[in-house]
């Protein structure tokens, strides 16, 4: 299997009960099969030292704007998406097999962001509150204003309808 970033051969490295493919002689990227990244993305999860720093510094700078092909699937282009809450770390993921490719240093950046899943969840809540709370509050106020106007209109109609002040006397069915 070849590296999707620099096309060098990937070598295997065992850590924390999983075997990942690393680009030792090239860009320092790491290929995780489906669900393998979840086993090493927290700072408290044990990993081998060789996984956090695959190639010696300075690592070659790779062009992340180029779409990369999945090393496992034939003719499948990987999708880029953010893996961090605040959209700081972008990774390549194969839509077919679910594998994830991390460039050099991205695993260390992912692990250093939050100490636990609870911290990550709290940060996500805060970030979404920053993004959407003002808009949601404005929509709620618009909805409340529409309800108030509807109630005023209903009260006006109630005054001009006879059934509002002569209850039960209409053959066509009053309140």
Protein backbone atom coordinates (compact mmCIF):
# COMPACT_ATOMS: atom_id res chain seq x y z
CA UNK A 1 0.00 0.00 0.00
CA UNK A 2 1.34 3.45 -0.93
CA UNK A 3 0.99 6.76 0.87
CA UNK A 4 -1.85 8.90 -0.53
CA UNK A 5 0.17 12.09 0.00
CA UNK A 6 3.64 11.25 -1.33
CA UNK A 7 3.22 7.78 -2.93
CA UNK A 8 5.98 6.18 -0.83
CA UNK A 9 5.35 2.66 0.51
CA UNK A 10 3.61 2.53 3.89
CA UNK A 11 5.03 0.34 6.66
CA UNK A 12 3.02 -1.18 9.49
CA UNK A 13 3.27 -0.14 13.13
CA UNK A 14 1.46 -1.90 15.99
CA UNK A 15 0.19 0.21 18.89
CA UNK A 16 -2.61 -0.08 21.46
CA UNK A 17 -4.01 -3.28 19.92
CA UNK A 18 -4.22 -1.90 16.36
CA UNK A 19 -1.90 -1.95 13.38
CA UNK A 20 -1.63 1.29 11.42
CA UNK A 21 0.25 2.09 8.24
CA UNK A 22 2.83 4.87 8.46
CA UNK A 23 4.91 6.71 5.87
CA UNK A 24 8.33 6.53 7.51
CA UNK A 25 10.48 7.39 4.50
CA UNK A 26 8.29 10.13 3.11
CA UNK A 27 5.81 12.64 4.49
CA UNK A 28 5.22 11.06 7.91
CA UNK A 29 1.50 10.49 7.34
CA UNK A 30 -0.53 7.77 9.07
CA UNK A 31 -3.31 5.60 7.59
CA UNK A 32 -5.97 4.39 10.02
CA UNK A 33 -8.48 1.76 8.94
CA UNK A 34 -12.12 2.28 9.89
CA UNK A 35 -12.58 2.98 13.65
CA UNK A 36 -8.85 2.70 14.45
CA UNK A 37 -8.35 6.42 15.06
CA UNK A 38 -10.93 6.27 17.88
CA UNK A 39 -8.58 4.01 19.84
CA UNK A 40 -5.70 6.51 19.94
CA UNK A 41 -7.27 9.99 19.62
CA UNK A 42 -7.49 10.74 23.37
CA UNK A 43 -4.41 11.91 25.27
CA UNK A 44 -4.82 9.22 27.97
CA UNK A 45 -4.83 6.35 25.45
CA UNK A 46 -1.44 4.66 25.16
CA UNK A 47 0.44 4.85 21.85
CA UNK A 48 3.96 4.00 20.82
CA UNK A 49 6.39 6.89 20.51
CA UNK A 50 6.92 6.10 16.84
CA UNK A 51 3.30 6.88 16.07
CA UNK A 52 3.29 10.41 17.45
CA UNK A 53 6.43 11.43 15.57
CA UNK A 54 6.70 9.23 12.47
CA UNK A 55 9.43 11.10 10.62
CA UNK A 56 12.19 13.28 12.01
CA UNK A 57 11.84 17.06 11.94
CA UNK A 58 11.60 18.94 9.70
CA UNK A 59 8.88 16.96 7.99
CA UNK A 60 8.24 17.72 4.34
CA UNK A 61 5.34 20.08 3.75
CA UNK A 62 2.63 18.43 1.67
CA UNK A 63 0.05 20.23 -0.45
CA UNK A 64 -3.25 19.65 1.35
CA UNK A 65 -5.31 21.30 -1.38
CA UNK A 66 -4.76 18.31 -3.70
CA UNK A 67 -7.45 15.63 -3.44
CA UNK A 68 -5.94 12.33 -2.45
CA UNK A 69 -6.80 8.82 -3.55
CA UNK A 70 -7.62 6.15 -0.97
CA UNK A 71 -4.72 3.69 -0.61
CA UNK A 72 -7.14 0.78 0.00
CA UNK A 73 -9.97 1.41 -2.47
CA UNK A 74 -9.50 1.51 -6.22
CA UNK A 75 -10.44 4.82 -7.87
CA UNK A 76 -11.86 6.35 -4.68
CA UNK A 77 -11.04 9.95 -3.84
CA UNK A 78 -10.94 10.79 -0.14
CA UNK A 79 -13.03 13.59 1.33
CA UNK A 80 -11.49 16.32 3.50
CA UNK A 81 -13.32 17.26 6.68
CA UNK A 82 -12.63 18.80 10.04
CA UNK A 83 -12.10 16.47 12.95
CA UNK A 84 -11.73 19.16 15.61
CA UNK A 85 -14.57 21.02 17.28
CA UNK A 86 -13.30 24.46 16.32
CA UNK A 87 -12.45 23.41 12.76
CA UNK A 88 -8.69 23.51 13.28
CA UNK A 89 -7.59 20.05 12.13
CA UNK A 90 -8.61 18.75 8.71
CA UNK A 91 -8.18 15.08 7.77
CA UNK A 92 -8.77 12.91 4.71
CA UNK A 93 -11.42 10.19 4.98
CA UNK A 94 -12.43 7.57 2.44
CA UNK A 95 -16.21 7.56 1.92
CA UNK A 96 -16.09 3.91 0.88
CA UNK A 97 -13.99 2.10 3.51
CA UNK A 98 -14.01 4.73 6.27
CA UNK A 99 -10.23 4.87 6.55
CA UNK A 100 -8.61 8.10 7.69
CA UNK A 101 -5.28 9.57 6.61
CA UNK A 102 -3.52 12.01 8.93
CA UNK A 103 -0.65 14.20 7.79
CA UNK A 104 2.48 14.46 9.90
CA UNK A 105 1.74 15.97 13.33
CA UNK A 106 -2.06 15.84 13.05
CA UNK A 107 -2.40 12.91 15.49
CA UNK A 108 -0.43 14.83 18.11
CA UNK A 109 -2.61 17.90 17.51
CA UNK A 110 -5.81 15.83 17.87
CA UNK A 111 -4.58 14.23 21.09
CA UNK A 112 -3.50 17.55 22.62
CA UNK A 113 -6.81 19.38 22.11
CA UNK A 114 -8.87 17.79 24.89
CA UNK A 115 -8.08 15.59 27.86
CA UNK A 116 -11.38 13.68 27.67
CA UNK A 117 -14.52 13.17 25.63
CA UNK A 118 -16.46 15.27 28.17
CA UNK A 119 -14.17 18.26 27.51
CA UNK A 120 -14.64 17.79 23.76
CA UNK A 121 -18.44 17.68 24.18
CA UNK A 122 -18.42 20.82 26.35
CA UNK A 123 -16.26 22.64 23.81
CA UNK A 124 -18.65 21.62 21.03
CA UNK A 125 -21.63 22.95 22.99
CA UNK A 126 -19.86 26.25 23.60
CA UNK A 127 -18.82 26.56 19.96
CA UNK A 128 -22.32 25.83 18.64
CA UNK A 129 -23.76 28.28 21.18
CA UNK A 130 -21.38 30.94 19.83
CA UNK A 131 -22.46 30.19 16.28
CA UNK A 132 -26.19 29.73 16.63
CA UNK A 133 -27.62 31.09 19.89
CA UNK A 134 -28.18 34.64 18.61
CA UNK A 135 -29.97 33.38 15.48
CA UNK A 136 -32.05 30.89 17.45
CA UNK A 137 -33.04 33.59 19.93
CA UNK A 138 -34.08 35.90 17.07
CA UNK A 139 -36.19 33.12 15.54
CA UNK A 140 -37.81 32.41 18.90
CA UNK A 141 -38.68 36.09 19.30
CA UNK A 142 -40.19 36.15 15.79
CA UNK A 143 -42.26 33.10 16.66
CA UNK A 144 -43.46 34.65 19.92
CA UNK A 145 -44.37 37.84 18.06
CA UNK A 146 -46.38 35.83 15.52
CA UNK A 147 -48.23 34.04 18.35
CA UNK A 148 -49.07 37.39 20.01
CA UNK A 149 -50.41 38.79 16.72
CA UNK A 150 -52.50 35.67 16.13
CA UNK A 151 -54.00 35.90 19.61
CA UNK A 152 -54.86 39.58 19.12
CA UNK A 153 -56.57 38.76 15.83
CA UNK A 154 -58.50 35.90 17.45
CA UNK A 155 -59.69 38.23 20.23
CA UNK A 156 -60.90 40.75 17.62
CA UNK A 157 -62.84 38.03 15.80
CA UNK A 158 -64.27 36.84 19.07
CA UNK A 159 -65.83 40.25 19.67
CA UNK A 160 -67.68 40.35 16.36
CA UNK A 161 -68.91 36.75 16.48
CA UNK A 162 -72.25 36.36 18.27
CA UNK A 163 -71.24 33.03 19.70
CA UNK A 164 -68.62 34.83 21.75
CA UNK A 165 -71.24 36.63 23.86
CA UNK A 166 -74.37 34.44 23.43
CA UNK A 167 -73.04 31.02 24.27
CA UNK A 168 -75.05 27.97 23.29
CA UNK A 169 -78.01 29.76 21.64
CA UNK A 170 -77.03 29.15 18.01
CA UNK A 171 -78.45 26.13 16.16
CA UNK A 172 -75.29 25.88 14.06
CA UNK A 173 -73.13 25.08 17.07
CA UNK A 174 -71.67 27.64 19.40
CA UNK A 175 -68.79 27.16 21.79
